[in-house]
Amino acid sequence: MLIFDFDGVLVESVDIKTRAFQELFSFAPNHIKEIVGYHTMNAGISRFEKFRHIYTNILHEELTDEKFQALSDRFSSLVIDAVVAAPCVPGARGLLRKFSGTIPMSVISATPEEELREIIRRRRMDLFFTRISGSPAKKADNIHALVEWEHLDPGKTIYIGDAINDLNAALQTGVRFIGRIRPGVPNPFAGRNGVEKTVHDLNELSDYIGSLV
């Protein structure tokens, strides 16, 4: 089984999410740098966790249920259409077509699950995947559940991610991990244990997976 993160692994959409955080918290200009820094340093965790952290530890304000829902709705409105229109990571569609029907594939992302499913459906990628799972469940919990549901051997299951939180989810669940390094970004996996391989695009990943089967 190949399990993909979504943003930054299948689609070049990481910067879209960063701009959305800038827009969402534009009402607090004195804190924007810290908010965006927190967001980028914690790639791979859900926006819901980030909202709570930002209000508690940066803005020092109460995050009411009403504010939380308004933030969530506004964030979705800022990103969904843009992510649907964003380019694929080079080689993504070729890899999906190449291994479709040969190797089962799934998506596990920190994006809210309903939103994730809508985006993947609108991009006409849904038929490639056995399962699509998102937040509020944590990535490690979703990987563990997938391994249980599909009776997978963790040693034959690979999670492909672009963030340290993705690597940590793989380590917590015992699956293998391949890291994707995005253009212009330092290798976040340098010196880290548990990284089987790093790739810059999914053409490289396709070649590597092809060498294993």
N, C-alpha and C. Protein backbone atom coordinates (compact mmCIF):
# COMPACT_ATOMS: atom_id res chain seq x y z
N MET A 1 0.85 -1.20 0.00
CA MET A 1 0.00 0.00 0.00
C MET A 1 0.88 1.25 0.00
N LEU A 2 0.56 2.17 -0.88
CA LEU A 2 1.16 3.51 -0.87
C LEU A 2 0.15 4.47 -0.25
N ILE A 3 0.58 5.21 0.75
CA ILE A 3 -0.28 6.21 1.39
C ILE A 3 0.35 7.57 1.15
N PHE A 4 -0.42 8.48 0.60
CA PHE A 4 0.09 9.81 0.26
C PHE A 4 -0.49 10.86 1.20
N ASP A 5 0.36 11.76 1.67
CA ASP A 5 -0.12 13.05 2.14
C ASP A 5 -0.64 13.78 0.89
N PHE A 6 -1.32 14.88 1.05
CA PHE A 6 -1.90 15.55 -0.12
C PHE A 6 -1.14 16.82 -0.48
N ASP A 7 -1.26 17.87 0.34
CA ASP A 7 -0.58 19.14 0.04
C ASP A 7 0.93 18.94 0.04
N GLY A 8 1.57 19.32 -1.06
CA GLY A 8 3.01 19.22 -1.15
C GLY A 8 3.53 17.86 -1.55
N VAL A 9 2.63 16.90 -1.70
CA VAL A 9 3.03 15.55 -2.12
C VAL A 9 2.36 15.18 -3.44
N LEU A 10 1.05 15.35 -3.52
CA LEU A 10 0.34 15.12 -4.77
C LEU A 10 0.08 16.43 -5.52
N VAL A 11 -0.12 17.51 -4.78
CA VAL A 11 -0.48 18.80 -5.36
C VAL A 11 0.40 19.90 -4.75
N GLU A 12 0.82 20.84 -5.59
CA GLU A 12 1.65 21.96 -5.13
C GLU A 12 0.76 23.03 -4.50
N SER A 13 0.29 22.76 -3.30
CA SER A 13 -0.70 23.63 -2.67
C SER A 13 -0.28 24.15 -1.31
N VAL A 14 0.95 23.90 -0.89
CA VAL A 14 1.39 24.34 0.43
C VAL A 14 1.33 25.86 0.56
N ASP A 15 1.77 26.58 -0.46
CA ASP A 15 1.78 28.05 -0.38
C ASP A 15 0.38 28.63 -0.33
N ILE A 16 -0.59 27.92 -0.91
CA ILE A 16 -1.98 28.37 -0.84
C ILE A 16 -2.45 28.41 0.61
N LYS A 17 -2.10 27.39 1.36
CA LYS A 17 -2.49 27.33 2.77
C LYS A 17 -1.79 28.42 3.58
N THR A 18 -0.53 28.70 3.25
CA THR A 18 0.20 29.75 3.96
C THR A 18 -0.44 31.11 3.72
N ARG A 19 -0.79 31.39 2.46
CA ARG A 19 -1.45 32.67 2.15
C ARG A 19 -2.80 32.76 2.84
N ALA A 20 -3.49 31.64 2.99
CA ALA A 20 -4.78 31.64 3.67
C ALA A 20 -4.62 32.02 5.14
N PHE A 21 -3.58 31.52 5.79
CA PHE A 21 -3.33 31.91 7.18
C PHE A 21 -3.04 33.41 7.27
N GLN A 22 -2.27 33.94 6.31
CA GLN A 22 -1.99 35.37 6.31
C GLN A 22 -3.27 36.18 6.19
N GLU A 23 -4.14 35.76 5.30
CA GLU A 23 -5.41 36.47 5.09
C GLU A 23 -6.33 36.31 6.29
N LEU A 24 -6.39 35.09 6.82
CA LEU A 24 -7.32 34.79 7.91
C LEU A 24 -7.02 35.62 9.16
N PHE A 25 -5.75 35.84 9.42
CA PHE A 25 -5.35 36.56 10.64
C PHE A 25 -4.84 37.97 10.33
N SER A 26 -5.29 38.53 9.21
CA SER A 26 -4.87 39.89 8.85
C SER A 26 -5.40 40.92 9.84
N PHE A 27 -6.38 40.53 10.66
CA PHE A 27 -6.90 41.45 11.69
C PHE A 27 -5.90 41.63 12.84
N ALA A 28 -4.83 40.82 12.85
CA ALA A 28 -3.83 40.91 13.92
C ALA A 28 -2.45 41.11 13.31
N PRO A 29 -2.22 42.27 12.66
CA PRO A 29 -0.97 42.46 11.90
C PRO A 29 0.29 42.35 12.75
N ASN A 30 0.21 42.68 14.03
CA ASN A 30 1.39 42.60 14.89
C ASN A 30 1.81 41.16 15.17
N HIS A 31 0.92 40.22 14.87
CA HIS A 31 1.20 38.81 15.17
C HIS A 31 1.36 37.96 13.91
N ILE A 32 1.21 38.58 12.73
CA ILE A 32 1.21 37.80 11.50
C ILE A 32 2.50 37.00 11.32
N LYS A 33 3.63 37.62 11.56
CA LYS A 33 4.90 36.91 11.36
C LYS A 33 4.99 35.68 12.24
N GLU A 34 4.59 35.81 13.50
CA GLU A 34 4.65 34.68 14.43
C GLU A 34 3.64 33.61 14.03
N ILE A 35 2.45 34.02 13.61
CA ILE A 35 1.41 33.07 13.20
C ILE A 35 1.85 32.27 11.99
N VAL A 36 2.35 32.96 10.98
CA VAL A 36 2.79 32.27 9.76
C VAL A 36 3.99 31.37 10.06
N GLY A 37 4.89 31.85 10.92
CA GLY A 37 6.02 31.02 11.30
C GLY A 37 5.59 29.75 12.00
N TYR A 38 4.62 29.87 12.90
CA TYR A 38 4.09 28.69 13.58
C TYR A 38 3.46 27.73 12.58
N HIS A 39 2.67 28.28 11.67
CA HIS A 39 2.02 27.44 10.65
C HIS A 39 3.05 26.68 9.82
N THR A 40 4.05 27.36 9.32
CA THR A 40 5.02 26.71 8.43
C THR A 40 5.91 25.73 9.18
N MET A 41 6.19 25.99 10.44
CA MET A 41 7.03 25.08 11.22
C MET A 41 6.26 23.85 11.70
N ASN A 42 4.97 23.88 11.54
CA ASN A 42 4.13 22.77 12.00
C ASN A 42 3.29 22.21 10.87
N ALA A 43 3.91 22.11 9.70
CA ALA A 43 3.24 21.49 8.55
C ALA A 43 2.87 20.06 8.92
N GLY A 44 1.70 19.66 8.46
CA GLY A 44 1.29 18.28 8.69
C GLY A 44 0.34 18.08 9.85
N ILE A 45 0.04 19.16 10.60
CA ILE A 45 -1.00 19.05 11.62
C ILE A 45 -2.21 19.85 11.17
N SER A 46 -3.35 19.55 11.73
CA SER A 46 -4.59 20.12 11.22
C SER A 46 -4.70 21.61 11.54
N ARG A 47 -5.44 22.30 10.69
CA ARG A 47 -5.68 23.73 10.92
C ARG A 47 -6.43 23.95 12.24
N PHE A 48 -7.24 22.96 12.64
CA PHE A 48 -8.00 23.10 13.88
C PHE A 48 -7.06 23.20 15.08
N GLU A 49 -6.04 22.34 15.12
CA GLU A 49 -5.03 22.42 16.18
C GLU A 49 -4.30 23.76 16.12
N LYS A 50 -4.01 24.22 14.91
CA LYS A 50 -3.30 25.49 14.76
C LYS A 50 -4.14 26.66 15.25
N PHE A 51 -5.44 26.67 14.93
CA PHE A 51 -6.30 27.75 15.41
C PHE A 51 -6.26 27.83 16.94
N ARG A 52 -6.37 26.67 17.59
CA ARG A 52 -6.38 26.66 19.06
C ARG A 52 -5.06 27.17 19.62
N HIS A 53 -3.96 26.73 19.01
CA HIS A 53 -2.64 27.18 19.48
C HIS A 53 -2.48 28.69 19.29
N ILE A 54 -2.88 29.18 18.13
CA ILE A 54 -2.72 30.61 17.83
C ILE A 54 -3.50 31.47 18.82
N TYR A 55 -4.74 31.08 19.10
CA TYR A 55 -5.54 31.88 20.03
C TYR A 55 -5.01 31.79 21.46
N THR A 56 -4.59 30.59 21.87
CA THR A 56 -4.13 30.40 23.25
C THR A 56 -2.75 30.98 23.49
N ASN A 57 -1.82 30.77 22.55
CA ASN A 57 -0.42 31.06 22.80
C ASN A 57 0.14 32.29 22.09
N ILE A 58 -0.58 32.79 21.09
CA ILE A 58 -0.09 33.96 20.36
C ILE A 58 -1.01 35.16 20.57
N LEU A 59 -2.30 34.98 20.31
CA LEU A 59 -3.24 36.09 20.48
C LEU A 59 -3.67 36.26 21.94
N HIS A 60 -3.58 35.16 22.72
CA HIS A 60 -4.00 35.18 24.12
C HIS A 60 -5.44 35.65 24.25
N GLU A 61 -6.28 35.05 23.41
CA GLU A 61 -7.71 35.35 23.43
C GLU A 61 -8.48 34.04 23.52
N GLU A 62 -9.71 34.15 23.99
CA GLU A 62 -10.58 32.98 24.03
C GLU A 62 -11.04 32.64 22.61
N LEU A 63 -10.97 31.37 22.27
CA LEU A 63 -11.48 30.92 20.98
C LEU A 63 -12.84 30.27 21.23
N THR A 64 -13.88 31.06 21.02
CA THR A 64 -15.23 30.54 21.24
C THR A 64 -15.61 29.59 20.12
N ASP A 65 -16.66 28.83 20.35
CA ASP A 65 -17.15 27.92 19.31
C ASP A 65 -17.53 28.69 18.05
N GLU A 66 -18.11 29.88 18.25
CA GLU A 66 -18.53 30.68 17.10
C GLU A 66 -17.32 31.17 16.30
N LYS A 67 -16.28 31.64 16.99
CA LYS A 67 -15.06 32.07 16.30
C LYS A 67 -14.41 30.90 15.58
N PHE A 68 -14.37 29.76 16.26
CA PHE A 68 -13.74 28.58 15.68
C PHE A 68 -14.43 28.18 14.38
N GLN A 69 -15.76 28.16 14.39
CA GLN A 69 -16.50 27.79 13.19
C GLN A 69 -16.32 28.82 12.09
N ALA A 70 -16.30 30.10 12.46
CA ALA A 70 -16.10 31.16 11.46
C ALA A 70 -14.72 31.05 10.83
N LEU A 71 -13.70 30.78 11.62
CA LEU A 71 -12.35 30.59 11.09
C LEU A 71 -12.31 29.41 10.13
N SER A 72 -12.92 28.31 10.54
CA SER A 72 -12.91 27.10 9.72
C SER A 72 -13.60 27.34 8.39
N ASP A 73 -14.77 27.98 8.44
CA ASP A 73 -15.52 28.23 7.21
C ASP A 73 -14.76 29.19 6.29
N ARG A 74 -14.19 30.25 6.87
CA ARG A 74 -13.45 31.23 6.07
C ARG A 74 -12.22 30.60 5.44
N PHE A 75 -11.50 29.78 6.20
CA PHE A 75 -10.31 29.13 5.66
C PHE A 75 -10.68 28.25 4.47
N SER A 76 -11.74 27.46 4.61
CA SER A 76 -12.16 26.60 3.50
C SER A 76 -12.51 27.42 2.27
N SER A 77 -13.19 28.55 2.48
CA SER A 77 -13.57 29.38 1.34
C SER A 77 -12.36 29.98 0.64
N LEU A 78 -11.27 30.18 1.39
CA LEU A 78 -10.06 30.75 0.81
C LEU A 78 -9.26 29.73 0.02
N VAL A 79 -9.39 28.44 0.36
CA VAL A 79 -8.45 27.47 -0.22
C VAL A 79 -9.05 26.47 -1.20
N ILE A 80 -10.32 26.12 -1.07
CA ILE A 80 -10.82 24.96 -1.83
C ILE A 80 -10.63 25.14 -3.33
N ASP A 81 -11.16 26.22 -3.90
CA ASP A 81 -11.06 26.41 -5.35
C ASP A 81 -9.61 26.53 -5.80
N ALA A 82 -8.79 27.19 -4.99
CA ALA A 82 -7.37 27.36 -5.35
C ALA A 82 -6.64 26.02 -5.35
N VAL A 83 -6.94 25.16 -4.39
CA VAL A 83 -6.28 23.85 -4.35
C VAL A 83 -6.77 22.97 -5.50
N VAL A 84 -8.04 23.06 -5.82
CA VAL A 84 -8.56 22.31 -6.97
C VAL A 84 -7.82 22.71 -8.24
N ALA A 85 -7.48 23.99 -8.37
CA ALA A 85 -6.83 24.50 -9.58
C ALA A 85 -5.31 24.40 -9.54
N ALA A 86 -4.74 24.06 -8.41
CA ALA A 86 -3.28 24.04 -8.27
C ALA A 86 -2.65 22.93 -9.12
N PRO A 87 -1.42 23.13 -9.58
CA PRO A 87 -0.76 22.09 -10.38
C PRO A 87 -0.42 20.87 -9.53
N CYS A 88 -0.41 19.72 -10.19
CA CYS A 88 0.07 18.51 -9.54
C CYS A 88 1.57 18.60 -9.30
N VAL A 89 2.05 17.93 -8.29
CA VAL A 89 3.48 17.71 -8.16
C VAL A 89 3.94 16.95 -9.41
N PRO A 90 5.04 17.35 -10.05
CA PRO A 90 5.48 16.66 -11.27
C PRO A 90 5.54 15.15 -11.07
N GLY A 91 4.93 14.45 -12.01
CA GLY A 91 4.93 13.00 -11.98
C GLY A 91 3.78 12.37 -11.23
N ALA A 92 2.93 13.19 -10.57
CA ALA A 92 1.88 12.62 -9.72
C ALA A 92 0.88 11.81 -10.52
N ARG A 93 0.31 12.40 -11.56
CA ARG A 93 -0.70 11.66 -12.31
C ARG A 93 -0.10 10.45 -13.02
N GLY A 94 1.11 10.58 -13.50
CA GLY A 94 1.76 9.45 -14.14
C GLY A 94 1.95 8.29 -13.17
N LEU A 95 2.36 8.60 -11.95
CA LEU A 95 2.53 7.56 -10.94
C LEU A 95 1.20 6.90 -10.60
N LEU A 96 0.16 7.71 -10.41
CA LEU A 96 -1.14 7.15 -10.07
C LEU A 96 -1.65 6.23 -11.17
N ARG A 97 -1.49 6.65 -12.41
CA ARG A 97 -1.92 5.80 -13.53
C ARG A 97 -1.08 4.53 -13.61
N LYS A 98 0.22 4.67 -13.40
CA LYS A 98 1.14 3.54 -13.54
C LYS A 98 0.82 2.42 -12.56
N PHE A 99 0.52 2.79 -11.31
CA PHE A 99 0.35 1.76 -10.28
C PHE A 99 -1.10 1.48 -9.94
N SER A 100 -2.04 2.20 -10.58
CA SER A 100 -3.46 1.93 -10.35
C SER A 100 -3.78 0.50 -10.77
N GLY A 101 -4.44 -0.23 -9.89
CA GLY A 101 -4.77 -1.62 -10.19
C GLY A 101 -3.67 -2.59 -9.88
N THR A 102 -2.49 -2.08 -9.56
CA THR A 102 -1.34 -2.93 -9.23
C THR A 102 -0.98 -2.83 -7.75
N ILE A 103 -0.88 -1.59 -7.27
CA ILE A 103 -0.59 -1.32 -5.86
C ILE A 103 -1.74 -0.50 -5.29
N PRO A 104 -2.37 -0.94 -4.20
CA PRO A 104 -3.43 -0.12 -3.60
C PRO A 104 -2.84 1.19 -3.08
N MET A 105 -3.61 2.27 -3.21
CA MET A 105 -3.16 3.60 -2.82
C MET A 105 -4.25 4.32 -2.03
N SER A 106 -3.84 5.10 -1.05
CA SER A 106 -4.76 5.87 -0.23
C SER A 106 -4.17 7.25 0.04
N VAL A 107 -5.00 8.16 0.56
CA VAL A 107 -4.56 9.49 0.96
C VAL A 107 -4.88 9.68 2.44
N ILE A 108 -3.91 10.16 3.19
CA ILE A 108 -4.12 10.56 4.58
C ILE A 108 -3.50 11.93 4.75
N SER A 109 -4.33 12.91 5.08
CA SER A 109 -3.94 14.32 5.12
C SER A 109 -4.48 14.98 6.37
N ALA A 110 -3.91 16.13 6.73
CA ALA A 110 -4.44 16.93 7.84
C ALA A 110 -5.61 17.81 7.41
N THR A 111 -5.90 17.87 6.12
CA THR A 111 -7.05 18.63 5.62
C THR A 111 -8.33 18.00 6.16
N PRO A 112 -9.34 18.80 6.52
CA PRO A 112 -10.61 18.23 6.97
C PRO A 112 -11.15 17.23 5.95
N GLU A 113 -11.62 16.10 6.43
CA GLU A 113 -11.91 14.98 5.53
C GLU A 113 -12.94 15.32 4.46
N GLU A 114 -14.02 15.98 4.83
CA GLU A 114 -15.04 16.31 3.84
C GLU A 114 -14.48 17.22 2.76
N GLU A 115 -13.69 18.21 3.16
CA GLU A 115 -13.05 19.12 2.20
C GLU A 115 -12.05 18.37 1.33
N LEU A 116 -11.27 17.49 1.93
CA LEU A 116 -10.29 16.70 1.20
C LEU A 116 -10.97 15.85 0.13
N ARG A 117 -12.06 15.21 0.49
CA ARG A 117 -12.78 14.37 -0.47
C ARG A 117 -13.33 15.20 -1.63
N GLU A 118 -13.86 16.39 -1.30
CA GLU A 118 -14.38 17.27 -2.36
C GLU A 118 -13.28 17.68 -3.33
N ILE A 119 -12.13 18.07 -2.79
CA ILE A 119 -11.02 18.51 -3.64
C ILE A 119 -10.55 17.38 -4.54
N ILE A 120 -10.36 16.21 -3.96
CA ILE A 120 -9.87 15.07 -4.75
C ILE A 120 -10.89 14.67 -5.80
N ARG A 121 -12.18 14.73 -5.45
CA ARG A 121 -13.23 14.41 -6.43
C ARG A 121 -13.22 15.42 -7.57
N ARG A 122 -13.14 16.71 -7.24
CA ARG A 122 -13.16 17.74 -8.28
C ARG A 122 -11.92 17.69 -9.16
N ARG A 123 -10.82 17.18 -8.62
CA ARG A 123 -9.60 17.01 -9.42
C ARG A 123 -9.60 15.69 -10.20
N ARG A 124 -10.68 14.92 -10.04
CA ARG A 124 -10.85 13.64 -10.73
C ARG A 124 -9.71 12.67 -10.40
N MET A 125 -9.35 12.64 -9.13
CA MET A 125 -8.31 11.74 -8.66
C MET A 125 -8.87 10.66 -7.74
N ASP A 126 -10.16 10.74 -7.42
CA ASP A 126 -10.72 9.87 -6.39
C ASP A 126 -10.70 8.39 -6.76
N LEU A 127 -10.79 8.08 -8.04
CA LEU A 127 -10.85 6.67 -8.45
C LEU A 127 -9.53 5.94 -8.23
N PHE A 128 -8.46 6.69 -7.98
CA PHE A 128 -7.16 6.05 -7.76
C PHE A 128 -7.01 5.50 -6.34
N PHE A 129 -7.88 5.94 -5.41
CA PHE A 129 -7.59 5.70 -4.00
C PHE A 129 -8.59 4.76 -3.34
N THR A 130 -8.05 3.84 -2.55
CA THR A 130 -8.87 2.92 -1.78
C THR A 130 -9.60 3.66 -0.67
N ARG A 131 -8.86 4.53 0.03
CA ARG A 131 -9.44 5.30 1.12
C ARG A 131 -8.88 6.72 1.10
N ILE A 132 -9.69 7.66 1.57
CA ILE A 132 -9.29 9.06 1.71
C ILE A 132 -9.66 9.49 3.12
N SER A 133 -8.66 9.84 3.92
CA SER A 133 -8.91 10.16 5.33
C SER A 133 -8.25 11.49 5.68
N GLY A 134 -8.97 12.29 6.46
CA GLY A 134 -8.45 13.59 6.88
C GLY A 134 -8.73 13.87 8.34
N SER A 135 -8.57 15.15 8.73
CA SER A 135 -8.84 15.54 10.11
C SER A 135 -10.36 15.61 10.33
N PRO A 136 -10.83 15.54 11.59
CA PRO A 136 -10.07 15.87 12.79
C PRO A 136 -9.18 14.77 13.35
N ALA A 137 -9.28 13.54 12.87
CA ALA A 137 -8.39 12.49 13.36
C ALA A 137 -6.94 12.84 13.01
N LYS A 138 -6.02 12.49 13.88
CA LYS A 138 -4.60 12.71 13.61
C LYS A 138 -4.12 11.73 12.55
N LYS A 139 -3.04 12.11 11.86
CA LYS A 139 -2.52 11.26 10.79
C LYS A 139 -2.14 9.87 11.30
N ALA A 140 -1.48 9.81 12.44
CA ALA A 140 -1.07 8.51 12.97
C ALA A 140 -2.28 7.64 13.26
N ASP A 141 -3.36 8.23 13.78
CA ASP A 141 -4.57 7.46 14.05
C ASP A 141 -5.19 6.95 12.75
N ASN A 142 -5.19 7.79 11.71
CA ASN A 142 -5.74 7.37 10.43
C ASN A 142 -4.89 6.29 9.77
N ILE A 143 -3.56 6.39 9.90
CA ILE A 143 -2.70 5.34 9.35
C ILE A 143 -2.95 4.03 10.09
N HIS A 144 -3.00 4.10 11.41
CA HIS A 144 -3.24 2.89 12.20
C HIS A 144 -4.58 2.25 11.81
N ALA A 145 -5.61 3.08 11.66
CA ALA A 145 -6.92 2.56 11.28
C ALA A 145 -6.88 1.92 9.91
N LEU A 146 -6.17 2.54 8.97
CA LEU A 146 -6.06 1.99 7.61
C LEU A 146 -5.35 0.65 7.63
N VAL A 147 -4.27 0.55 8.39
CA VAL A 147 -3.55 -0.72 8.51
C VAL A 147 -4.47 -1.80 9.05
N GLU A 148 -5.30 -1.45 10.04
CA GLU A 148 -6.22 -2.43 10.62
C GLU A 148 -7.32 -2.80 9.63
N TRP A 149 -7.94 -1.80 9.00
CA TRP A 149 -9.04 -2.05 8.08
C TRP A 149 -8.62 -2.93 6.90
N GLU A 150 -7.46 -2.62 6.36
CA GLU A 150 -7.03 -3.30 5.15
C GLU A 150 -6.11 -4.50 5.43
N HIS A 151 -5.90 -4.79 6.72
CA HIS A 151 -5.03 -5.91 7.12
C HIS A 151 -3.66 -5.80 6.45
N LEU A 152 -3.07 -4.62 6.57
CA LEU A 152 -1.80 -4.34 5.91
C LEU A 152 -0.62 -4.78 6.76
N ASP A 153 0.45 -5.13 6.11
CA ASP A 153 1.73 -5.35 6.76
C ASP A 153 2.46 -4.01 6.80
N PRO A 154 2.68 -3.41 7.98
CA PRO A 154 3.35 -2.11 8.03
C PRO A 154 4.69 -2.10 7.31
N GLY A 155 5.38 -3.22 7.30
CA GLY A 155 6.67 -3.30 6.62
C GLY A 155 6.57 -3.25 5.11
N LYS A 156 5.34 -3.39 4.59
CA LYS A 156 5.12 -3.30 3.15
C LYS A 156 4.23 -2.11 2.80
N THR A 157 4.08 -1.21 3.75
CA THR A 157 3.24 -0.03 3.58
C THR A 157 4.13 1.21 3.66
N ILE A 158 3.99 2.11 2.69
CA ILE A 158 4.85 3.30 2.62
C ILE A 158 3.98 4.56 2.69
N TYR A 159 4.34 5.45 3.61
CA TYR A 159 3.69 6.76 3.68
C TYR A 159 4.62 7.79 3.06
N ILE A 160 4.09 8.58 2.14
CA ILE A 160 4.88 9.61 1.47
C ILE A 160 4.40 10.97 1.97
N GLY A 161 5.30 11.73 2.59
CA GLY A 161 4.95 13.02 3.14
C GLY A 161 6.04 14.05 2.91
N ASP A 162 5.73 15.30 3.27
CA ASP A 162 6.69 16.39 3.04
C ASP A 162 7.04 17.14 4.32
N ALA A 163 6.66 16.60 5.47
CA ALA A 163 6.87 17.32 6.73
C ALA A 163 7.31 16.36 7.83
N ILE A 164 7.95 16.92 8.85
CA ILE A 164 8.39 16.11 9.98
C ILE A 164 7.20 15.45 10.67
N ASN A 165 6.06 16.12 10.73
CA ASN A 165 4.89 15.49 11.33
C ASN A 165 4.44 14.26 10.55
N ASP A 166 4.69 14.24 9.25
CA ASP A 166 4.38 13.05 8.45
C ASP A 166 5.33 11.90 8.83
N LEU A 167 6.60 12.23 8.95
CA LEU A 167 7.58 11.22 9.38
C LEU A 167 7.21 10.69 10.76
N ASN A 168 6.85 11.57 11.67
CA ASN A 168 6.49 11.12 13.01
C ASN A 168 5.28 10.19 12.99
N ALA A 169 4.31 10.48 12.13
CA ALA A 169 3.14 9.60 12.02
C ALA A 169 3.54 8.22 11.53
N ALA A 170 4.47 8.18 10.58
CA ALA A 170 4.96 6.89 10.09
C ALA A 170 5.70 6.13 11.18
N LEU A 171 6.54 6.83 11.93
CA LEU A 171 7.30 6.18 13.00
C LEU A 171 6.37 5.65 14.09
N GLN A 172 5.32 6.39 14.39
CA GLN A 172 4.38 5.97 15.43
C GLN A 172 3.60 4.72 15.04
N THR A 173 3.44 4.51 13.75
CA THR A 173 2.61 3.39 13.28
C THR A 173 3.42 2.25 12.69
N GLY A 174 4.72 2.43 12.55
CA GLY A 174 5.58 1.36 12.06
C GLY A 174 5.61 1.18 10.57
N VAL A 175 5.00 2.11 9.81
CA VAL A 175 5.06 2.00 8.35
C VAL A 175 6.34 2.66 7.85
N ARG A 176 6.70 2.36 6.63
CA ARG A 176 7.89 2.96 6.02
C ARG A 176 7.58 4.40 5.61
N PHE A 177 8.65 5.19 5.40
CA PHE A 177 8.44 6.60 5.07
C PHE A 177 9.38 7.05 3.97
N ILE A 178 8.81 7.76 3.00
CA ILE A 178 9.57 8.45 1.95
C ILE A 178 9.21 9.93 2.02
N GLY A 179 10.23 10.78 2.05
CA GLY A 179 10.00 12.21 2.15
C GLY A 179 10.12 12.91 0.82
N ARG A 180 9.17 13.79 0.54
CA ARG A 180 9.24 14.63 -0.65
C ARG A 180 9.78 16.00 -0.25
N ILE A 181 10.83 16.44 -0.92
CA ILE A 181 11.44 17.74 -0.66
C ILE A 181 10.91 18.72 -1.69
N ARG A 182 10.22 19.76 -1.24
CA ARG A 182 9.63 20.72 -2.16
C ARG A 182 10.69 21.68 -2.71
N PRO A 183 10.46 22.22 -3.92
CA PRO A 183 11.44 23.13 -4.53
C PRO A 183 11.71 24.35 -3.65
N GLY A 184 12.99 24.69 -3.51
CA GLY A 184 13.36 25.88 -2.77
C GLY A 184 13.27 25.76 -1.27
N VAL A 185 13.00 24.55 -0.78
CA VAL A 185 12.85 24.34 0.66
C VAL A 185 13.98 23.44 1.15
N PRO A 186 14.65 23.79 2.24
CA PRO A 186 15.70 22.90 2.76
C PRO A 186 15.12 21.53 3.11
N ASN A 187 15.95 20.52 2.99
CA ASN A 187 15.52 19.16 3.31
C ASN A 187 15.14 19.06 4.78
N PRO A 188 13.85 18.89 5.10
CA PRO A 188 13.46 18.82 6.51
C PRO A 188 13.83 17.51 7.17
N PHE A 189 14.23 16.53 6.35
CA PHE A 189 14.50 15.19 6.87
C PHE A 189 15.98 14.91 7.08
N ALA A 190 16.83 15.89 6.82
CA ALA A 190 18.28 15.69 6.94
C ALA A 190 18.63 15.24 8.36
N GLY A 191 19.36 14.14 8.44
CA GLY A 191 19.80 13.63 9.74
C GLY A 191 18.75 12.91 10.54
N ARG A 192 17.56 12.72 9.97
CA ARG A 192 16.47 12.08 10.70
C ARG A 192 16.49 10.57 10.47
N ASN A 193 16.24 9.82 11.52
CA ASN A 193 16.10 8.38 11.40
C ASN A 193 14.71 8.03 10.87
N GLY A 194 14.61 6.91 10.18
CA GLY A 194 13.32 6.42 9.73
C GLY A 194 12.92 6.86 8.35
N VAL A 195 13.81 7.57 7.65
CA VAL A 195 13.51 8.02 6.29
C VAL A 195 14.15 7.04 5.31
N GLU A 196 13.32 6.31 4.59
CA GLU A 196 13.83 5.32 3.64
C GLU A 196 14.49 5.98 2.44
N LYS A 197 13.89 7.07 1.97
CA LYS A 197 14.39 7.76 0.78
C LYS A 197 13.77 9.14 0.74
N THR A 198 14.44 10.08 0.08
CA THR A 198 13.83 11.37 -0.23
C THR A 198 13.78 11.54 -1.75
N VAL A 199 12.74 12.23 -2.21
CA VAL A 199 12.56 12.50 -3.63
C VAL A 199 12.17 13.96 -3.79
N HIS A 200 12.44 14.50 -4.97
CA HIS A 200 12.06 15.88 -5.26
C HIS A 200 10.75 15.98 -6.03
N ASP A 201 10.38 14.91 -6.69
CA ASP A 201 9.10 14.88 -7.40
C ASP A 201 8.64 13.43 -7.48
N LEU A 202 7.46 13.23 -8.06
CA LEU A 202 6.91 11.88 -8.08
C LEU A 202 7.37 11.06 -9.27
N ASN A 203 8.09 11.68 -10.21
CA ASN A 203 8.80 10.88 -11.21
C ASN A 203 9.88 10.05 -10.52
N GLU A 204 10.62 10.68 -9.62
CA GLU A 204 11.64 9.96 -8.85
C GLU A 204 10.99 8.86 -8.01
N LEU A 205 9.86 9.20 -7.39
CA LEU A 205 9.17 8.21 -6.56
C LEU A 205 8.69 7.04 -7.40
N SER A 206 8.15 7.33 -8.58
CA SER A 206 7.67 6.27 -9.46
C SER A 206 8.79 5.31 -9.83
N ASP A 207 9.95 5.86 -10.15
CA ASP A 207 11.09 5.00 -10.49
C ASP A 207 11.49 4.14 -9.30
N TYR A 208 11.47 4.73 -8.11
CA TYR A 208 11.88 3.97 -6.93
C TYR A 208 10.88 2.86 -6.62
N ILE A 209 9.59 3.19 -6.64
CA ILE A 209 8.58 2.17 -6.36
C ILE A 209 8.64 1.08 -7.42
N GLY A 210 8.86 1.48 -8.67
CA GLY A 210 8.99 0.49 -9.74
C GLY A 210 10.13 -0.47 -9.51
N SER A 211 11.19 0.00 -8.86
CA SER A 211 12.34 -0.88 -8.59
C SER A 211 12.06 -1.86 -7.47
N LEU A 212 10.99 -1.62 -6.70
CA LEU A 212 10.67 -2.48 -5.57
C LEU A 212 9.70 -3.59 -5.93
N VAL A 213 8.98 -3.42 -7.04
CA VAL A 213 7.93 -4.39 -7.38
C VAL A 213 8.33 -5.23 -8.58
